[in-house]
Amino acid sequence: MDNSLVEIRWHGRGGQGAKTASLLLADAAFNTGKYIQGFPEYGPERMGAPITAYNRISDNPIRIHSNIYEPDYVVVVDDTLLESVDVTAGLKETGAIVINTTKDAKYLRDALKGYKGKIYTIDARKVSMETLGKYFPNTPMLAAIVKVSGIMEDKVFLEDMQGSFKHKFAKKPEVIEGNMKALELALTSIKEIS
């Protein structure tokens, strides 16, 4: 049994970048010396259709090759999914769920059907509008799950993402600063629902 294994399930809608965020997380964890898996579950890929993506991150080689049925963490990139998808299915109560939302604690508790683990929220729209001028929820959500899960230290994460963005946005260097600001702001914008 691998006690260092962390399993994360992402819920988003096509076009919101949940898949991209899960792959960026996998890259960042890999760059800190971890073993990783990052993969989407493909259904009909339509803009706005619910999608699921997964990460496994461990200090040891990962021998499992299946979807994740009992995640330690769940990331919900679009809170409208709370109405239609059982986002807490299999979620360990020792883990946590991170939701992009401005909804109140009562709404969330009801929507999560009595989930007893930790619930964190972040207003990814506000963070991305302030830092990027457009709504890209995946960058703030990536920072939020790193912070909540403690997979790596903030400083290490930010340094790695700086390098990753330099590579990813080589032809658009002007977007790097905004994305870095989005990550930094997101790291301090997470709230725990008590």
Protein backbone atom coordinates (compact mmCIF):
# COMPACT_ATOMS: atom_id res chain seq x y z
CA MET A 1 0.00 0.00 0.00
CA ASP A 2 1.43 3.37 -1.04
CA ASN A 3 0.76 5.87 1.74
CA SER A 4 2.22 8.71 -0.30
CA LEU A 5 -0.30 8.20 -3.12
CA VAL A 6 -2.65 11.15 -3.64
CA GLU A 7 -5.58 10.73 -6.01
CA ILE A 8 -7.46 13.73 -7.41
CA ARG A 9 -10.58 13.85 -9.55
CA TRP A 10 -11.46 16.97 -11.54
CA HIS A 11 -14.99 17.87 -12.62
CA GLY A 12 -15.42 20.60 -15.21
CA ARG A 13 -17.10 21.39 -18.48
CA GLY A 14 -15.52 21.08 -21.91
CA GLY A 15 -13.57 24.24 -22.70
CA GLN A 16 -12.92 25.31 -19.08
CA GLY A 17 -9.45 23.81 -18.95
CA ALA A 18 -9.96 21.11 -16.31
CA LYS A 19 -8.05 18.63 -18.48
CA THR A 20 -5.24 21.15 -19.06
CA ALA A 21 -5.04 21.92 -15.33
CA SER A 22 -4.78 18.22 -14.46
CA LEU A 23 -1.93 17.84 -16.96
CA LEU A 24 -0.15 20.97 -15.64
CA LEU A 25 -0.46 19.57 -12.11
CA ALA A 26 1.02 16.26 -13.29
CA ASP A 27 3.95 18.10 -14.92
CA ALA A 28 4.61 20.23 -11.83
CA ALA A 29 4.54 17.20 -9.52
CA PHE A 30 6.78 15.26 -11.93
CA ASN A 31 9.28 18.13 -11.92
CA THR A 32 9.52 17.90 -8.11
CA GLY A 33 10.55 14.25 -8.41
CA LYS A 34 7.17 12.59 -7.93
CA TYR A 35 5.64 9.77 -9.92
CA ILE A 36 2.53 10.98 -11.68
CA GLN A 37 -0.47 10.17 -13.82
CA GLY A 38 -2.72 12.78 -15.38
CA PHE A 39 -5.50 11.67 -17.68
CA PRO A 40 -8.96 12.73 -18.83
CA GLU A 41 -11.98 10.49 -19.12
CA TYR A 42 -13.26 11.01 -22.61
CA GLY A 43 -16.90 11.12 -23.43
CA PRO A 44 -18.41 13.16 -26.23
CA GLU A 45 -16.08 16.16 -26.16
CA ARG A 46 -18.39 19.11 -26.56
CA MET A 47 -17.98 22.64 -25.29
CA GLY A 48 -19.91 22.83 -22.05
CA ALA A 49 -20.37 19.06 -21.64
CA PRO A 50 -19.34 17.65 -18.24
CA ILE A 51 -15.84 16.20 -18.29
CA THR A 52 -13.75 14.35 -15.73
CA ALA A 53 -9.98 14.28 -15.40
CA TYR A 54 -7.72 12.54 -12.92
CA ASN A 55 -4.33 12.81 -11.23
CA ARG A 56 -2.32 10.30 -9.28
CA ILE A 57 0.76 11.67 -7.53
CA SER A 58 3.14 9.57 -5.46
CA ASP A 59 6.66 9.29 -4.07
CA ASN A 60 6.73 5.71 -5.39
CA PRO A 61 6.12 4.17 -8.82
CA ILE A 62 2.38 3.99 -9.60
CA ARG A 63 1.19 0.54 -10.63
CA ILE A 64 -2.54 1.30 -10.90
CA HIS A 65 -3.98 2.06 -14.32
CA SER A 66 -7.68 2.69 -13.85
CA ASN A 67 -10.03 5.56 -13.25
CA ILE A 68 -10.07 6.90 -9.71
CA TYR A 69 -13.05 5.73 -7.70
CA GLU A 70 -12.06 6.85 -4.19
CA PRO A 71 -10.21 10.15 -4.62
CA ASP A 72 -8.48 11.99 -1.79
CA TYR A 73 -9.45 15.30 -3.38
CA VAL A 74 -12.07 16.51 -5.82
CA VAL A 75 -11.82 19.76 -7.79
CA VAL A 76 -15.06 21.24 -9.14
CA VAL A 77 -14.26 23.83 -11.80
CA ASP A 78 -17.93 24.70 -12.47
CA ASP A 79 -20.41 24.82 -9.58
CA THR A 80 -23.39 24.18 -11.90
CA LEU A 81 -22.13 20.57 -11.96
CA LEU A 82 -23.16 20.26 -8.29
CA GLU A 83 -26.76 20.05 -9.55
CA SER A 84 -26.16 17.27 -12.08
CA VAL A 85 -23.05 15.27 -11.12
CA ASP A 86 -22.41 13.37 -7.88
CA VAL A 87 -19.07 15.11 -7.35
CA THR A 88 -18.48 13.53 -3.93
CA ALA A 89 -18.94 9.94 -5.19
CA GLY A 90 -16.27 7.85 -3.46
CA LEU A 91 -14.55 10.96 -2.04
CA LYS A 92 -12.70 10.06 1.16
CA GLU A 93 -13.92 11.98 4.21
CA THR A 94 -10.28 12.40 5.22
CA GLY A 95 -9.81 14.35 1.99
CA ALA A 96 -11.40 17.53 0.73
CA ILE A 97 -13.36 19.07 -2.11
CA VAL A 98 -12.36 22.37 -3.73
CA ILE A 99 -15.14 24.22 -5.53
CA ASN A 100 -15.07 27.26 -7.80
CA THR A 101 -18.10 29.02 -6.37
CA THR A 102 -19.51 32.05 -4.58
CA LYS A 103 -22.44 30.05 -3.17
CA ASP A 104 -22.94 29.95 0.61
CA ALA A 105 -22.16 27.15 3.05
CA LYS A 106 -25.78 25.99 3.37
CA TYR A 107 -26.23 25.65 -0.39
CA LEU A 108 -22.96 23.74 -0.68
CA ARG A 109 -23.72 21.38 2.23
CA ASP A 110 -27.12 20.59 0.68
CA ALA A 111 -25.67 20.17 -2.82
CA LEU A 112 -22.95 17.85 -1.49
CA LYS A 113 -25.59 15.62 0.13
CA GLY A 114 -24.09 15.47 3.59
CA TYR A 115 -20.42 15.05 2.63
CA LYS A 116 -18.56 15.23 5.95
CA GLY A 117 -15.04 16.02 4.74
CA LYS A 118 -13.50 19.44 4.31
CA ILE A 119 -14.99 21.85 1.80
CA TYR A 120 -12.95 24.68 0.31
CA THR A 121 -14.12 27.37 -2.06
CA ILE A 122 -12.45 29.87 -4.31
CA ASP A 123 -13.96 32.47 -6.62
CA ALA A 124 -11.92 31.52 -9.67
CA ARG A 125 -13.92 33.94 -11.84
CA LYS A 126 -12.92 36.90 -9.65
CA VAL A 127 -9.27 35.78 -9.52
CA SER A 128 -8.98 35.27 -13.28
CA MET A 129 -10.85 38.49 -14.18
CA GLU A 130 -8.56 40.49 -11.85
CA THR A 131 -5.34 38.94 -13.12
CA LEU A 132 -6.07 37.82 -16.69
CA GLY A 133 -8.96 40.06 -17.72
CA LYS A 134 -10.82 36.96 -18.95
CA TYR A 135 -12.54 34.01 -17.35
CA PHE A 136 -10.07 31.10 -17.23
CA PRO A 137 -10.99 29.10 -14.13
CA ASN A 138 -8.35 26.41 -14.57
CA THR A 139 -5.33 28.48 -13.49
CA PRO A 140 -6.82 29.51 -10.10
CA MET A 141 -8.22 26.00 -9.56
CA LEU A 142 -4.78 24.50 -10.18
CA ALA A 143 -3.28 26.72 -7.46
CA ALA A 144 -6.20 25.94 -5.13
CA ILE A 145 -5.74 22.16 -5.29
CA VAL A 146 -1.97 22.48 -4.79
CA LYS A 147 -2.59 24.60 -1.67
CA VAL A 148 -5.36 22.39 -0.23
CA SER A 149 -3.63 19.07 -0.95
CA GLY A 150 -0.15 20.20 0.11
CA ILE A 151 1.34 18.21 -2.80
CA MET A 152 4.18 20.73 -2.95
CA GLU A 153 5.18 23.99 -1.31
CA ASP A 154 3.78 27.20 -2.81
CA LYS A 155 7.24 28.51 -3.70
CA VAL A 156 8.26 25.29 -5.51
CA PHE A 157 4.91 25.22 -7.33
CA LEU A 158 5.19 28.85 -8.48
CA GLU A 159 8.79 28.39 -9.66
CA ASP A 160 7.83 25.31 -11.62
CA MET A 161 4.78 26.97 -13.17
CA GLN A 162 6.91 29.97 -14.22
CA GLY A 163 9.10 27.58 -16.22
CA SER A 164 6.10 25.67 -17.53
CA PHE A 165 4.36 28.85 -18.71
CA LYS A 166 7.57 30.10 -20.38
CA HIS A 167 7.57 26.91 -22.43
CA LYS A 168 3.80 26.75 -23.01
CA PHE A 169 3.42 30.44 -23.92
CA ALA A 170 6.77 30.89 -25.74
CA LYS A 171 4.93 32.68 -28.57
CA LYS A 172 2.74 34.71 -26.18
CA PRO A 173 5.09 35.80 -23.35
CA GLU A 174 2.66 38.60 -22.40
CA VAL A 175 0.25 36.07 -20.87
CA ILE A 176 2.85 34.60 -18.49
CA GLU A 177 2.70 37.44 -15.97
CA GLY A 178 -1.11 37.34 -15.74
CA ASN A 179 -1.11 33.58 -15.26
CA MET A 180 1.54 33.84 -12.53
CA LYS A 181 -0.49 36.56 -10.80
CA ALA A 182 -3.58 34.33 -11.05
CA LEU A 183 -1.72 31.49 -9.32
CA GLU A 184 -0.35 33.80 -6.59
CA LEU A 185 -3.73 35.41 -5.91
CA ALA A 186 -5.48 32.03 -5.92
CA LEU A 187 -3.09 30.65 -3.29
CA THR A 188 -4.37 33.30 -0.87
CA SER A 189 -8.04 33.31 -1.98
CA ILE A 190 -9.16 29.88 -0.75
CA LYS A 191 -11.76 29.73 2.00
CA GLU A 192 -12.64 26.75 4.14
CA ILE A 193 -16.37 26.24 4.75
CA SER A 194 -16.92 25.35 8.37
